[in-house]
Amino acid sequence: MKDLLKRQFDSETPQALYTVPQAMRETSVFSAPEFLAGLSTEDAKRVKGLLANTYSAEDLKAAAKVPPPSRAELIQKKFDVVVPETLYTVPQAMVEASAFTAPDRLAGLNADEAKRVKALLANTYSEADLKAAAEKAAAEKAAAEKAAAEKAAAEKAAAEKAAAEKAAAEKAAAEKAAAEKAAAEKAAAEKAAAEKAAAEKAAAEKAAAEKAAAEKAAAEKAAAEKAAAEKAAAEKAAAEKAAAEKAAAEKAAAEKAAAEKAAAEKAEAIKKAAAQQSEVEVSYDAEPPKPEKKVKKPSDPMDTTIKLIAAGVAFFMILIVGASISNSLKYYLVEKQGALQIWKGKFAPLGKKRIAILPGVPAPEEPKAIYSQDEVYPLAYEYFIDKADALMDVSGIPDFEGIQTALKTALEFSASDEMQRIAFDRLDTIDRLTLTYKADLASSRGTIEGFQTAIGLLNDAGKLTSDKVQKEMIAQRIAAHEAAIETLTEQTAENQPEVENSVPAVENESAAPQATEPEAETH
């Protein structure tokens, strides 16, 4: 039903538009019926009042505040049918004088077209016919889509097969041509090849450096998070230790000051007693002096205050660090403009930062206010893995740099060892393909140095796979390159004696004319 409602039908325009014949125009006295003909006096008055109404801007604003009905309400709304009390009839005098006739419905169409339209208008359709037509259209659509998919798959397979055969043929032809023209290459070509090899080597080293930098960044990120947690714990322990040491030092200083003060007071008392003893006569009958009473040292209120402040500061630091760690473990998902954004809490009591944007990724069916790392990381990981696959599945040479960037980003969101293994395997595959492509370029030069460079690149590529089939293919290519090197070496050895024999001839060119002159004289 939805397809029928949305279907666009072709508009049919008659070849010639209908025109009233001239004779009918002159004799016709047809006039349109009165606008309110057939209505009662009250209905006519009500309609005229509605037509005469005027509305101000305030009235329109007040009406706009009322929420409009929905589409479903309008579709299901029942409207009253207004039937006039008396139907309009054309006066008898006008009927007699009028010769107006309605135009033919199919005026302007030829006989075949008119016959086709009449047949269409005469058709009748039941609910079963409509349902059968809809099912037939759906089946035809599904069959067309299936045929298109099968055709696309067949074309893709044929294209891949043709590309593989073409690559094999080009490779064989290149190796054969390289072996045939190896002896004819000059020093300039070898120099250009060396420069090109240096540039390719620099590109390979750059790619390796980028890969190492990505791995280093991931390791540094994990180390930074671990160091942050250890630093927070160390700062907490240091703060507690510093507070305890400060309290103990202040307490020891206070006790030392009190002891020194008591010792000074005691020394002063002994000094005064000695002075009094020298001035007063000794009497054995007098009562001995009473011993001094020890005064109990009062507790210092500063010690208690310092201890309470240190405990409060330590407790406050614990709360801040705990809140920061808790906030840094929170993740948020925000869907905006067709993209899913991943936000992570900062290492602070409050605040968050965006760490990824995933266009086209739907939000979870059951949204949550806060997510964990295990819930959000797989979403980003799958997105970047799929992005790398899409960049790989293109015609021509893939964007290896973009694929490596996507896989390195996926590594940052790997939540398990298995995810890391899959991402690293794909990175190794990209590096292996890059090395293989560079080996093909090096071998296409057809020189001994080029084949040696290709062998070194293929050896590096063999280290990046554990597949036996891939290793066997790489070993076969290395063997082919080694055979080409042996062929070139033998050709070079065969051509070397000719070059050496030509050197004395060049050196004795100056003596040759002198030898020919006497021979000419004898003849």
Foldseek 3Di string as FASTA:
>chain_A
DVCVVPDDDDDDDFQDDDDDDPVQVVQAPDDDDDPCPLADPVVVVVVVVVVPDDDDPVRVVVVVVPDDDDPVCVVPDDDDDDDGPDDDDDDPVNVVSHPDDDDDPNPRHDPVVVVVVVVVVPDDDDPVRVVVVVVVVVVVVVVVVVVVVVVVVVVVVVVVVVVVVVVVVVLVVLLVVLLVCQVVDDPVLVVVLVVVVVVLVVVLVVVVVVVVVLVVVLVVVVVVVVVVLVVLVVVLVVLLVVLVVVLVVVVVVVVVVVVVVVVVVVVVVVVVVVVVPVVDDDDPVDDDDDDDDDDDDDDDVVSVVSNVVSVVVSVVSVVFQVLLVVQQFWWAWDQDPQKIWIWGGHSTNGDIGTDDIQHNQDDDPDHDGTDGLVVPLVSLLVRLQVVLVVQVPDPDDGPLVSSLVSLSSSCSSDPDPVSNVVSLLVNLVSSLVSLQVQLSVLVSNSYLVSLVSSLVSLVVNLVSDPDPVSNVVSVVSNVSSVVSNVSVVVVVVVCVVVVVVVVVVVVCPVVVVVVVVVVVVVD
